[in-house]
Protein backbone atom coordinates (compact mmCIF):
# COMPACT_ATOMS: atom_id res chain seq x y z
CA UNK A 1 75.66 90.37 51.47
CA UNK A 2 78.69 90.20 49.16
CA UNK A 3 78.24 89.21 45.55
CA UNK A 4 79.28 85.72 44.49
CA UNK A 5 79.56 84.18 41.02
CA UNK A 6 76.54 82.17 39.91
CA UNK A 7 78.03 78.66 40.24
CA UNK A 8 74.59 77.42 41.24
CA UNK A 9 71.58 77.50 38.92
CA UNK A 10 69.78 80.81 38.70
CA UNK A 11 66.11 81.00 39.62
CA UNK A 12 63.40 83.62 39.07
CA UNK A 13 63.28 86.12 41.92
CA UNK A 14 67.01 86.16 42.61
CA UNK A 15 68.78 89.53 42.66
CA UNK A 16 71.90 89.66 40.48
CA UNK A 17 74.46 92.04 39.00
CA UNK A 18 76.26 91.94 35.67
CA UNK A 19 79.92 92.70 36.51
CA UNK A 20 80.60 94.30 33.13
CA UNK A 21 77.68 96.74 33.48
CA UNK A 22 77.65 98.17 37.02
CA UNK A 23 75.72 101.16 35.65
CA UNK A 24 72.68 98.88 35.17
CA UNK A 25 72.44 98.36 38.95
CA UNK A 26 70.86 95.32 40.58
CA UNK A 27 68.51 93.17 38.55
CA UNK A 28 65.83 90.61 39.33
CA UNK A 29 65.87 87.32 37.42
CA UNK A 30 62.58 87.05 35.51
CA UNK A 31 63.04 83.73 33.71
CA UNK A 32 65.65 81.06 33.08
CA UNK A 33 65.62 78.83 29.98
CA UNK A 34 68.87 76.91 29.74
CA UNK A 35 71.65 79.48 29.50
CA UNK A 36 69.22 82.27 28.54
CA UNK A 37 68.35 84.39 31.57
CA UNK A 38 66.02 87.38 31.40
CA UNK A 39 66.87 89.99 34.03
CA UNK A 40 65.08 93.26 34.79
CA UNK A 41 67.78 95.73 35.88
CA UNK A 42 67.12 98.91 37.90
CA UNK A 43 68.78 101.19 35.35
CA UNK A 44 69.27 98.88 32.37
CA UNK A 45 65.76 97.59 31.87
CA UNK A 46 64.93 94.05 30.77
CA UNK A 47 67.92 92.25 29.27
CA UNK A 48 68.50 88.76 27.91
CA UNK A 49 71.78 87.45 29.31
CA UNK A 50 73.56 84.42 27.83
CA UNK A 51 75.10 82.86 30.95
CA UNK A 52 77.23 80.50 28.88
CA UNK A 53 79.08 83.64 27.71
CA UNK A 54 78.75 86.01 30.71
CA UNK A 55 78.43 85.27 34.41
CA UNK A 56 76.08 87.05 36.76
CA UNK A 57 76.90 87.74 40.41
CA UNK A 58 74.16 86.63 42.79
CA UNK A 59 73.38 89.36 45.32
CA UNK A 60 70.54 87.62 47.14
CA UNK A 61 68.81 84.27 46.84
CA UNK A 62 65.19 83.79 45.84
CA UNK A 63 63.16 85.82 48.37
CA UNK A 64 60.41 83.18 48.42
């Protein structure tokens, strides 16, 4: 499935990528509080992303 910008609200469980850090690999959204999204990346570990400053590409929707 091709990546698409996160125009829709992010939800825990979604798989995302940070375009500026492809070396981090895919990440799973852990929590969303306003524009603060915690993502656990394969190679970048747990990161707090400010989505009002940086956009995440959604790779897959919530698996549940």
